[in-house]
Protein backbone atom coordinates (compact mmCIF):
# COMPACT_ATOMS: atom_id res chain seq x y z
CA MET A 1 28.94 179.59 116.99
CA ASP A 2 31.34 180.33 114.16
CA SER A 3 34.46 178.22 113.75
CA LEU A 4 37.38 179.23 115.95
CA ILE A 5 40.41 180.46 114.03
CA VAL A 6 43.71 179.50 115.68
CA SER A 7 46.94 181.19 114.63
CA SER A 8 50.49 181.34 115.89
CA SER A 9 51.76 184.21 118.03
CA PRO A 10 52.15 187.11 118.21
CA HIS A 11 48.45 187.88 118.60
CA ILE A 12 48.96 191.55 119.49
CA ARG A 13 50.61 193.56 116.78
CA GLY A 14 52.06 197.04 117.08
CA GLU A 15 51.67 199.85 114.61
CA LYS A 16 55.42 200.26 114.03
CA THR A 17 56.92 198.71 110.93
CA THR A 18 60.53 198.11 109.98
CA ARG A 19 60.30 200.77 107.30
CA GLY A 20 58.77 203.26 109.75
CA ILE A 21 61.43 202.63 112.40
CA MET A 22 64.25 202.91 109.90
CA GLY A 23 62.69 206.06 108.50
CA ASP A 24 62.80 207.62 111.96
CA VAL A 25 66.45 206.62 112.35
CA LEU A 26 67.26 208.26 109.02
CA ILE A 27 65.51 211.45 110.18
CA ALA A 28 67.53 211.37 113.40
CA LEU A 29 70.75 211.07 111.36
CA VAL A 30 69.98 214.16 109.27
CA PRO A 31 71.48 216.65 111.80
CA CYS A 32 74.75 214.67 111.77
CA VAL A 33 74.80 214.66 107.97
CA ILE A 34 74.21 218.42 107.89
CA ALA A 35 76.90 219.10 110.52
CA GLY A 36 79.37 216.86 108.71
CA THR A 37 78.72 218.67 105.43
CA ILE A 38 79.15 222.09 107.08
CA TYR A 39 82.48 221.23 108.70
CA PHE A 40 84.00 218.86 106.15
CA GLY A 41 82.52 220.11 102.90
CA PHE A 42 80.76 218.55 99.93
CA ARG A 43 83.16 215.60 99.83
CA ALA A 44 81.76 214.36 103.14
CA LEU A 45 78.20 214.49 101.83
CA LEU A 46 79.26 212.66 98.67
CA LEU A 47 80.96 209.97 100.73
CA VAL A 48 77.78 209.37 102.75
CA ALA A 49 75.74 209.26 99.54
CA ILE A 50 78.13 206.70 98.03
CA THR A 51 78.00 204.36 101.03
CA THR A 52 74.22 204.65 101.21
CA ALA A 53 73.67 203.96 97.50
CA THR A 54 76.15 201.06 97.58
CA ALA A 55 74.47 199.51 100.62
CA ILE A 56 70.99 199.68 99.04
CA LEU A 57 72.17 198.31 95.70
CA THR A 58 74.15 195.54 97.39
CA GLU A 59 71.14 194.46 99.44
CA TYR A 60 68.94 194.47 96.34
CA ILE A 61 71.38 192.31 94.35
CA SER A 62 72.19 189.96 97.23
CA ARG A 63 68.51 189.20 97.87
CA ILE A 64 68.09 188.32 94.19
CA VAL A 65 71.18 186.09 94.21
CA MET A 66 70.07 184.37 97.42
CA LYS A 67 66.52 184.00 96.04
CA ARG A 68 64.97 185.58 99.10
CA GLN A 69 62.17 188.07 99.56
CA GLN A 70 63.31 191.55 98.59
CA THR A 71 64.08 193.79 101.59
CA ALA A 72 65.90 196.68 99.95
CA GLY A 73 62.81 198.84 100.40
CA ASP A 74 62.60 198.52 104.20
CA LEU A 75 65.27 201.26 104.58
CA SER A 76 67.49 199.11 106.83
CA ALA A 77 70.22 199.06 104.17
CA ALA A 78 69.92 202.84 103.83
CA VAL A 79 70.42 203.24 107.58
CA THR A 80 73.51 201.01 107.45
CA GLY A 81 74.91 203.00 104.54
CA VAL A 82 74.34 206.39 106.17
CA ILE A 83 75.82 205.29 109.51
CA LEU A 84 78.85 203.78 107.78
CA GLY A 85 79.44 206.97 105.83
CA LEU A 86 79.17 209.07 108.99
CA ILE A 87 81.73 206.99 110.91
CA LEU A 88 84.32 207.25 108.13
CA PRO A 89 86.92 210.03 107.94
CA PRO A 90 86.14 212.59 105.21
CA GLY A 91 89.41 211.73 103.48
CA CYS A 92 88.45 208.07 103.07
CA ASP A 93 88.87 206.70 99.56
CA TYR A 94 85.56 206.29 97.73
CA PHE A 95 86.30 202.73 96.63
CA ALA A 96 87.30 201.77 100.18
CA ALA A 97 83.98 203.18 101.40
CA MET A 98 82.09 201.17 98.77
CA PHE A 99 83.99 198.04 99.82
CA GLY A 100 82.96 198.70 103.42
CA ALA A 101 79.30 199.01 102.43
CA VAL A 102 79.43 195.69 100.56
CA VAL A 103 81.05 193.98 103.57
CA ALA A 104 78.41 195.43 105.92
CA ILE A 105 75.49 194.19 103.84
CA VAL A 106 76.75 190.88 102.41
CA VAL A 107 79.14 189.52 105.04
CA VAL A 108 77.68 190.87 108.28
CA LYS A 109 73.98 191.04 107.40
CA GLN A 110 72.81 188.88 104.50
CA MET A 111 75.09 185.88 105.06
CA PHE A 112 73.52 185.51 108.51
CA GLY A 113 69.95 185.71 107.23
CA GLY A 114 69.25 189.41 106.77
CA ILE A 115 67.79 192.02 109.08
CA GLY A 116 67.32 190.79 112.63
CA PHE A 117 69.73 187.87 112.28
CA ASN A 118 73.08 189.68 112.10
CA PHE A 119 75.37 188.92 115.06
CA ALA A 120 76.93 192.40 115.08
CA ASN A 121 76.18 195.92 113.95
CA PRO A 122 76.95 195.91 110.18
CA ALA A 123 78.29 199.47 109.94
CA CYS A 124 80.42 199.11 113.05
CA THR A 125 81.96 195.83 111.88
CA ALA A 126 82.59 197.21 108.38
CA ARG A 127 84.44 200.20 109.86
CA ILE A 128 86.72 197.91 111.84
CA ILE A 129 87.46 195.84 108.73
CA LEU A 130 88.30 199.03 106.83
CA LEU A 131 90.58 200.20 109.64
CA LEU A 132 92.42 196.88 109.53
CA SER A 133 92.53 196.75 105.73
CA PHE A 134 93.46 200.31 104.76
CA SER A 135 96.26 201.97 106.71
CA SER A 136 95.51 205.38 105.20
CA MET A 137 92.02 205.32 106.72
CA ALA A 138 93.45 204.48 110.14
CA ILE A 139 95.68 207.52 109.88
CA TYR A 140 92.80 209.82 108.95
CA SER A 141 90.47 208.54 111.65
CA GLY A 142 93.06 208.25 114.39
CA THR A 143 95.32 211.28 114.28
CA VAL A 144 94.37 213.74 111.57
CA PHE A 145 91.33 214.88 109.68
CA MET A 146 90.37 216.89 106.64
CA ALA A 147 88.14 219.91 107.15
CA ASP A 148 87.00 223.05 105.45
CA ALA A 149 89.63 225.74 105.92
CA ALA A 150 87.14 228.38 107.05
CA ALA A 151 85.68 226.15 109.75
CA ALA A 152 89.01 224.90 111.06
CA ALA A 153 90.75 228.27 111.09
CA THR A 154 89.57 228.89 114.66
CA SER A 155 91.02 225.61 115.95
CA ALA A 156 93.57 225.97 118.74
CA THR A 157 95.88 223.30 117.34
CA THR A 158 98.65 223.85 114.80
CA SER A 159 97.47 223.60 111.19
CA ALA A 160 99.31 222.59 108.05
CA THR A 161 97.85 224.08 104.88
CA SER A 162 98.44 223.32 101.24
CA ALA A 163 98.36 225.93 98.48
CA ALA A 164 96.80 223.44 96.10
CA THR A 165 93.75 222.64 98.23
CA ASP A 166 91.29 224.25 100.59
CA ALA A 167 91.72 221.52 103.20
CA ILE A 168 93.91 221.39 106.28
CA THR A 169 94.91 218.66 108.71
CA ASN A 170 94.62 218.91 112.48
CA ALA A 171 95.08 216.49 115.35
CA THR A 172 91.86 215.01 116.68
CA PRO A 173 90.96 215.92 120.30
CA LEU A 174 91.85 212.49 121.69
CA ALA A 175 95.24 212.60 119.97
CA ALA A 176 95.89 216.26 120.85
CA GLY A 177 94.92 215.88 124.51
CA SER A 178 93.28 218.17 127.06
CA GLY A 179 93.40 221.89 126.37
CA ALA A 180 93.92 221.60 122.62
CA TYR A 181 90.26 222.33 121.89
CA LYS A 182 87.68 224.53 123.57
CA TYR A 183 84.63 222.74 124.94
CA PHE A 184 82.36 224.89 122.79
CA ASP A 185 84.20 223.76 119.64
CA LEU A 186 83.78 220.16 120.73
CA PHE A 187 80.08 220.73 121.34
CA ILE A 188 79.27 222.29 117.98
CA GLY A 189 81.61 220.05 115.99
CA ASN A 190 84.51 222.33 115.08
CA ARG A 191 87.14 219.66 115.66
CA GLY A 192 88.80 216.63 114.15
CA GLY A 193 87.17 213.26 113.69
CA CYS A 194 84.94 211.28 111.38
CA ILE A 195 82.12 212.89 109.44
CA GLY A 196 79.15 212.34 111.74
CA GLU A 197 80.76 212.01 115.14
CA THR A 198 82.18 215.49 115.67
CA SER A 199 79.07 217.56 116.43
CA VAL A 200 77.73 216.77 119.91
CA ILE A 201 74.66 218.94 119.44
CA ALA A 202 73.75 217.12 116.21
CA VAL A 203 73.99 213.72 117.93
CA LEU A 204 71.92 214.98 120.88
CA ILE A 205 69.18 216.22 118.55
CA GLY A 206 69.02 212.78 116.97
CA PHE A 207 69.01 211.13 120.40
CA ILE A 208 66.12 213.27 121.66
CA TYR A 209 64.13 212.55 118.50
CA LEU A 210 64.63 208.78 118.75
CA VAL A 211 63.67 208.70 122.43
CA ALA A 212 60.63 210.92 121.84
CA ARG A 213 59.49 208.65 119.03
CA LYS A 214 60.14 205.61 121.27
CA ILE A 215 62.48 204.12 118.71
CA ILE A 216 65.28 203.53 121.21
CA ASN A 217 65.46 203.03 124.95
CA PRO A 218 67.79 205.59 126.59
CA ILE A 219 69.27 202.99 128.97
CA ILE A 220 72.07 201.87 126.65
CA PRO A 221 73.27 205.36 125.62
CA LEU A 222 73.11 206.68 129.19
CA SER A 223 74.88 203.67 130.73
CA PHE A 224 77.46 203.67 127.91
CA VAL A 225 78.34 207.36 128.25
CA GLY A 226 77.90 207.39 132.03
CA SER A 227 80.28 204.48 132.64
CA ALA A 228 82.87 205.97 130.29
CA ALA A 229 82.61 209.33 132.08
CA LEU A 230 82.96 207.67 135.50
CA ILE A 231 86.08 205.76 134.44
CA ALA A 232 87.55 208.97 132.98
CA LEU A 233 86.88 210.76 136.27
CA ILE A 234 88.47 207.98 138.36
CA SER A 235 91.48 207.92 136.01
CA GLY A 236 92.01 211.65 136.30
CA GLU A 237 91.18 212.31 132.64
CA ASP A 238 89.31 215.30 131.29
CA VAL A 239 85.76 213.95 131.50
CA LEU A 240 84.18 216.42 129.06
CA LEU A 241 86.97 215.81 126.55
CA GLN A 242 86.51 212.04 126.76
CA VAL A 243 82.72 212.26 126.40
CA MET A 244 82.58 214.81 123.58
CA SER A 245 85.55 213.49 121.61
CA GLY A 246 85.80 210.52 119.29
CA GLY A 247 82.74 208.50 118.41
CA LEU A 248 81.50 207.85 121.94
CA LEU A 249 78.20 209.74 121.71
CA PHE A 250 77.46 208.75 118.11
CA GLY A 251 78.22 205.10 118.80
CA ALA A 252 76.14 205.09 121.98
CA VAL A 253 73.08 206.55 120.23
CA PHE A 254 73.13 205.07 116.75
CA MET A 255 75.16 201.82 116.88
CA ALA A 256 74.96 200.34 120.38
CA THR A 257 71.14 200.58 120.29
CA ASP A 258 70.75 198.33 117.24
CA TYR A 259 67.73 196.07 117.93
CA ALA A 260 69.25 192.84 116.65
CA THR A 261 72.57 193.13 118.48
CA SER A 262 71.56 194.62 121.86
CA PRO A 263 69.78 193.03 124.86
CA ILE A 264 66.01 192.95 125.25
CA SER A 265 65.65 193.41 129.03
CA ASN A 266 66.36 196.70 130.80
CA TRP A 267 68.96 195.12 133.10
CA GLY A 268 70.59 193.56 130.07
CA LYS A 269 70.70 196.93 128.32
CA ALA A 270 72.36 198.49 131.37
CA VAL A 271 75.03 195.78 131.51
CA PHE A 272 75.55 196.08 127.75
CA GLY A 273 76.04 199.85 127.97
CA VAL A 274 78.41 199.63 130.94
CA GLY A 275 80.43 196.99 129.11
CA CYS A 276 80.73 199.23 126.06
CA GLY A 277 81.86 202.15 128.21
CA LEU A 278 84.39 200.04 130.11
CA ILE A 279 85.99 198.53 127.01
CA THR A 280 86.06 201.91 125.25
CA MET A 281 87.94 203.55 128.11
CA LEU A 282 90.32 200.61 128.54
CA ILE A 283 91.31 200.95 124.90
CA ARG A 284 91.60 204.72 125.14
CA LEU A 285 93.68 204.65 128.31
CA TYR A 286 95.85 201.58 127.78
CA GLY A 287 95.59 200.66 124.10
CA LYS A 288 97.80 201.81 121.26
CA MET A 289 94.92 203.53 119.48
CA PRO A 290 93.17 206.74 120.57
CA GLU A 291 89.67 205.37 120.00
CA GLY A 292 87.91 202.16 120.93
CA VAL A 293 84.16 202.69 120.47
CA SER A 294 83.75 200.42 117.45
CA TYR A 295 85.74 197.60 119.04
CA ALA A 296 83.80 197.93 122.30
CA ILE A 297 80.44 197.69 120.54
CA LEU A 298 81.58 194.70 118.48
CA VAL A 299 82.79 192.82 121.58
CA MET A 300 79.52 193.47 123.41
CA ASN A 301 77.54 192.45 120.29
CA ILE A 302 79.31 189.09 120.38
CA ILE A 303 78.48 188.41 124.04
CA ASN A 304 74.96 189.85 123.74
CA PRO A 305 73.29 186.38 123.57
CA ALA A 306 74.85 185.53 126.95
CA ILE A 307 73.56 188.78 128.43
CA ASP A 308 70.07 188.09 127.08
CA ASN A 309 70.16 184.58 128.51
CA LEU A 310 71.30 185.85 131.90
CA PHE A 311 68.60 188.50 132.25
CA SER A 312 65.73 186.87 130.34
CA PRO A 313 62.49 186.68 132.37
CA VAL A 314 61.63 183.30 133.83
CA PRO A 315 58.16 182.00 132.81
CA PHE A 316 55.85 181.24 135.72
CA GLY A 317 56.28 177.70 137.02
CA SER A 318 59.69 177.11 135.40
CA LYS A 319 63.33 177.36 136.43
CA ARG A 320 66.10 179.35 134.82
CA ARG A 321 68.51 177.20 132.86
CA ALA A 322 72.19 177.58 133.68
CA LEU A 323 74.47 179.26 131.16
CA LYS A 324 76.29 176.79 128.95
C-alpha cells in the first residue's frame, strides 16, 4: 500500500476561479456600459475607463508596496473600477473619480487584506465617501444629470440648455416625482441618474446572465427589490417609479451580491436583501436625500457577520453559540 497523503481542506475543488467569476461579472456589466455611453455620451465611457484603469494600477502598486502576492490580474480590481464608474454621475470630475478608485482599492480592500477580506463593498463605500467629500457630485447624482441632448429631448421634464454645450440638465425621477417620466423611458434608460443605473433593461440582461452562469444567487436581488416594492406599495408610492428609479436595481444585482460582504446561507441572503430594501425605502421616504441604496448596502455589509452567525448551519452533535 502506498503512503497516504494527508492535506488540509477543501478536498473538493470547483472549476470556477476568481478570474473566471470576475470575467463573467465584467461581461454582465457590458450592457450597462453600452447604455450609459448611448445616453450620456463619450464622457461617460471615458469616466468608466478612468476609474477602471486607476483601480487596476492602484491594486498593482499597493500589492508591491505591501510585499504581497500580485492580484491585479484576477480582474477583481477591474470589476471594482467598472462598478464605481457606473455608479458615478456623468458630470463627475475625473480627479474625484480617480480618488474614489484609490479609496476603494487601498482603504476598503487592500488595508483589510485584499479580495475576500474587505468588510464592505469597495465601490459602494467609495461612492459614499465621494458624496460626502465633493458637494458637486452630490448635486449631480441627487437632483440633476448630464445627458446627450438628442436622447433627453423626449423627456417630459423641463430642460435647461446651454448654447456652448450639447448637454442638458434634468431632474432625476426620484427628485421629479411620479408622472414626470414615462415608464418606458425609465425601462430603457432615457432618464436622469448615474451612468450605469438608468437602463433597467441593461441591468436585467446582466442579472439574467449572472444567474444563468451561476455567479450570483437571485435571493438577494429579489428580496432587496421585492421588499422595497412592498414598502412603496404600503406607503402609497408609485411602485414602478421606486423600483426603476435610482440605483435600486443596479445595487441589488451588482453590489449587494458581493461574495465577501453578503451572507452565505439562503436565509441569511433573504434577511440581507430585505434589510437593504427596508433601509433604502426609509431613506427615500423620510431622509433628506432622494436615494439611499449605497447607504443601505453599506449598513447591511457591516452587520453581515452577525447575519452569518445567526443563520450558520450547526454541525452535527454541537450546539449553536449565542451571539456576542
